[in-house]
Amino acid sequence: MQVACPYCTKPNELDDQIAGRTTRCPACGKSFIAPDELAVIGQRHTLVSFPVASVVLLNFVSGGLFTLIYLNQLHERMPRLRPNDPSATVALGLCFIPFVNLAWFFFSFHRLCIRINEQRRFSGMEQEAPTWLAMPMCILLTTGVLATMFVNGGIYVLILVLASLLPLFAALVQNAVNGLCERSVDAALATA
């Protein structure tokens, strides 16, 4: 497969066996991780920068609905490297099917972080999307939804998640996306 070096952008012909492993660019000599087979030249993310403060503010104004929609639509802006990487339509649609959504939150938010971190790795950046926060947040979110249905005080758990963990998660994800977008702009300017 042919892959552009994330540092010098020279095309490299790589063996398919090296996908996902560290390799060295023969042109500039820097090491990078060879992308999976579908992340080849021409398949780049279309993520855009957005102010982190705006994401947090819109989360509070909408009671978490903006964050749910916004984070799930980010799936559409990245190339599909696996057959089960969701599109924005699937990711968002499954969030509104009762009881299915409780399991879907785990997959969607965790996979979003993985996909952003892959794009950052392909650009030679450190992983910053909070995979470590996705699972605890989803556990508390699911617990809050279920507790709200069966216990009078369950709404407090849900409010705690929507007022603290969800905006924190959204801010960290957006910060990782903004860094990736900034790196993409810098790379584009360097090649121009």
Protein backbone atom coordinates (compact mmCIF):
# COMPACT_ATOMS: atom_id res chain seq x y z
CA MET A 1 0.00 0.00 0.00
CA GLN A 2 1.13 3.55 -0.61
CA VAL A 3 1.21 5.81 2.46
CA ALA A 4 2.38 9.40 2.86
CA CYS A 5 4.91 10.05 5.61
CA PRO A 6 3.23 12.27 8.25
CA TYR A 7 6.42 14.35 8.56
CA CYS A 8 7.69 14.94 5.01
CA THR A 9 4.50 13.81 3.14
CA LYS A 10 6.59 11.79 0.65
CA PRO A 11 4.72 8.69 -0.57
CA ASN A 12 6.12 5.39 0.72
CA GLU A 13 5.36 1.98 -0.72
CA LEU A 14 4.77 -0.26 2.31
CA ASP A 15 4.11 -3.95 2.50
CA ASP A 16 0.58 -4.80 3.74
CA GLN A 17 2.14 -6.90 6.52
CA ILE A 18 3.48 -3.75 8.20
CA ALA A 19 0.05 -2.11 8.68
CA GLY A 20 -0.33 -0.86 12.25
CA ARG A 21 3.40 -1.21 13.03
CA THR A 22 6.19 1.31 13.36
CA THR A 23 8.19 1.95 10.19
CA ARG A 24 10.85 4.41 9.07
CA CYS A 25 10.46 6.83 6.16
CA PRO A 26 13.31 6.33 3.69
CA ALA A 27 13.11 9.99 2.60
CA CYS A 28 13.36 11.79 5.98
CA GLY A 29 14.37 8.92 8.28
CA LYS A 30 11.68 9.60 10.89
CA SER A 31 9.64 6.75 12.39
CA PHE A 32 5.86 6.62 12.17
CA ILE A 33 3.12 4.06 12.59
CA ALA A 34 1.95 2.59 9.31
CA PRO A 35 -1.84 3.02 9.10
CA ASP A 36 -4.30 0.20 8.72
CA GLU A 37 -5.04 -0.85 5.15
CA LEU A 38 -7.89 1.63 4.60
CA ALA A 39 -6.08 4.70 5.92
CA VAL A 40 -4.16 5.30 2.71
CA ILE A 41 -3.48 8.46 0.77
CA GLY A 42 -6.73 10.23 -0.05
CA GLN A 43 -8.62 9.05 3.04
CA ARG A 44 -8.13 11.78 5.58
CA HIS A 45 -10.30 13.01 8.41
CA THR A 46 -12.52 16.02 7.79
CA LEU A 47 -12.64 17.10 11.42
CA VAL A 48 -12.89 20.83 12.05
CA SER A 49 -11.75 22.92 14.96
CA PHE A 50 -14.41 24.22 17.36
CA PRO A 51 -13.86 26.19 20.58
CA VAL A 52 -13.80 23.95 23.64
CA ALA A 53 -15.59 26.57 25.74
CA SER A 54 -18.44 26.63 23.20
CA VAL A 55 -18.84 22.85 23.42
CA VAL A 56 -19.09 23.05 27.22
CA LEU A 57 -21.47 26.03 27.14
CA LEU A 58 -23.74 24.38 24.55
CA ASN A 59 -23.76 21.21 26.68
CA PHE A 60 -25.18 23.16 29.63
CA VAL A 61 -27.63 25.17 27.54
CA SER A 62 -29.05 22.04 25.89
CA GLY A 63 -28.97 19.79 28.95
CA GLY A 64 -26.45 17.47 27.27
CA LEU A 65 -28.40 17.01 24.02
CA PHE A 66 -25.97 19.10 21.96
CA THR A 67 -23.02 17.06 23.23
CA LEU A 68 -24.75 13.78 22.42
CA ILE A 69 -25.50 14.90 18.85
CA TYR A 70 -22.18 16.64 18.27
CA LEU A 71 -19.96 13.82 19.50
CA ASN A 72 -21.82 11.19 17.50
CA GLN A 73 -21.66 13.22 14.29
CA LEU A 74 -17.84 13.25 14.61
CA HIS A 75 -17.88 9.59 13.54
CA GLU A 76 -18.81 10.72 10.02
CA ARG A 77 -15.76 12.98 9.76
CA MET A 78 -13.21 10.16 10.02
CA PRO A 79 -12.35 7.37 7.58
CA ARG A 80 -13.76 3.95 8.41
CA LEU A 81 -10.84 1.70 9.29
CA ARG A 82 -12.97 -1.18 10.55
CA PRO A 83 -16.20 -2.62 9.20
CA ASN A 84 -18.06 -1.77 12.41
CA ASP A 85 -16.95 1.87 12.61
CA PRO A 86 -20.29 3.68 12.72
CA SER A 87 -21.47 6.47 10.49
CA ALA A 88 -23.03 9.54 12.09
CA THR A 89 -26.52 8.34 11.16
CA VAL A 90 -26.07 4.98 12.86
CA ALA A 91 -24.21 6.46 15.84
CA LEU A 92 -26.85 9.09 16.48
CA GLY A 93 -29.86 6.94 15.59
CA LEU A 94 -28.99 4.20 18.08
CA CYS A 95 -28.72 6.80 20.85
CA PHE A 96 -32.48 7.33 20.71
CA ILE A 97 -33.68 3.70 20.76
CA PRO A 98 -34.74 2.91 24.33
CA PHE A 99 -32.57 0.34 26.16
CA VAL A 100 -30.41 -0.19 23.05
CA ASN A 101 -28.95 3.25 23.73
CA LEU A 102 -27.74 2.18 27.16
CA ALA A 103 -25.36 -0.31 25.56
CA TRP A 104 -24.68 1.89 22.53
CA PHE A 105 -23.25 4.76 24.60
CA PHE A 106 -20.41 2.46 25.71
CA PHE A 107 -19.50 1.51 22.15
CA SER A 108 -20.01 4.89 20.50
CA PHE A 109 -18.06 7.09 22.91
CA HIS A 110 -15.23 4.59 23.38
CA ARG A 111 -14.90 3.99 19.63
CA LEU A 112 -14.94 7.74 18.99
CA CYS A 113 -11.91 8.16 21.26
CA ILE A 114 -10.14 5.25 19.58
CA ARG A 115 -10.78 6.69 16.11
CA ILE A 116 -9.56 10.17 17.09
CA ASN A 117 -6.45 8.69 18.70
CA GLU A 118 -5.77 6.69 15.53
CA GLN A 119 -5.94 9.85 13.44
CA ARG A 120 -3.61 11.58 15.90
CA ARG A 121 -1.19 8.63 15.75
CA PHE A 122 -1.23 8.71 11.93
CA SER A 123 -0.26 12.38 12.17
CA GLY A 124 2.60 11.57 14.55
CA MET A 125 0.85 12.99 17.62
CA GLU A 126 0.29 11.61 21.10
CA GLN A 127 -3.06 10.09 21.97
CA GLU A 128 -5.19 12.60 23.89
CA ALA A 129 -8.80 11.52 23.38
CA PRO A 130 -10.02 10.32 26.80
CA THR A 131 -10.62 6.58 26.35
CA TRP A 132 -9.99 6.33 30.10
CA LEU A 133 -13.04 8.52 30.82
CA ALA A 134 -15.45 7.03 28.26
CA MET A 135 -16.27 3.86 30.20
CA PRO A 136 -16.74 5.37 33.70
CA MET A 137 -18.88 8.15 32.21
CA CYS A 138 -21.06 5.64 30.34
CA ILE A 139 -21.41 3.45 33.42
CA LEU A 140 -22.64 6.42 35.46
CA LEU A 141 -24.85 7.64 32.60
CA THR A 142 -26.48 4.21 32.28
CA THR A 143 -26.80 3.93 36.06
CA GLY A 144 -28.44 7.37 36.18
CA VAL A 145 -30.94 6.54 33.44
CA LEU A 146 -31.88 3.21 35.04
CA ALA A 147 -31.99 4.67 38.54
CA THR A 148 -34.28 7.46 37.31
CA MET A 149 -36.77 4.83 36.14
CA PHE A 150 -36.79 2.84 39.38
CA VAL A 151 -35.64 5.09 42.24
CA ASN A 152 -36.81 8.57 43.19
CA GLY A 153 -33.28 9.87 43.82
CA GLY A 154 -31.90 8.46 40.57
CA ILE A 155 -32.29 11.76 38.80
CA TYR A 156 -29.44 13.17 40.88
CA VAL A 157 -26.98 10.67 39.44
CA LEU A 158 -28.12 11.56 35.92
CA ILE A 159 -27.84 15.29 36.62
CA LEU A 160 -24.34 14.77 38.07
CA VAL A 161 -23.20 13.01 34.89
CA LEU A 162 -24.83 15.56 32.56
CA ALA A 163 -23.43 18.49 34.55
CA SER A 164 -19.88 17.25 35.17
CA LEU A 165 -18.62 14.15 33.35
CA LEU A 166 -20.28 14.71 29.97
CA PRO A 167 -18.97 18.29 29.57
CA LEU A 168 -15.52 17.18 30.78
CA PHE A 169 -15.51 14.31 28.28
CA ALA A 170 -16.70 16.60 25.46
CA ALA A 171 -14.05 19.21 26.30
CA LEU A 172 -11.24 16.63 26.27
CA VAL A 173 -12.47 15.12 22.99
CA GLN A 174 -12.76 18.55 21.36
CA ASN A 175 -9.29 19.50 22.62
CA ALA A 176 -7.86 16.36 20.97
CA VAL A 177 -9.75 17.15 17.75
CA ASN A 178 -8.54 20.78 17.77
CA GLY A 179 -4.93 19.64 18.15
CA LEU A 180 -5.36 17.26 15.23
CA CYS A 181 -6.91 19.98 13.06
CA GLU A 182 -4.11 22.38 13.93
CA ARG A 183 -1.52 19.75 12.96
CA SER A 184 -3.34 19.12 9.66
CA VAL A 185 -3.34 22.85 8.84
CA ASP A 186 0.36 23.13 9.69
CA ALA A 187 1.16 20.12 7.47
CA ALA A 188 -0.88 21.61 4.62
CA LEU A 189 0.91 24.95 4.93
CA ALA A 190 4.30 23.23 5.01
CA THR A 191 3.60 21.41 1.74
CA ALA A 192 2.25 24.52 -0.01
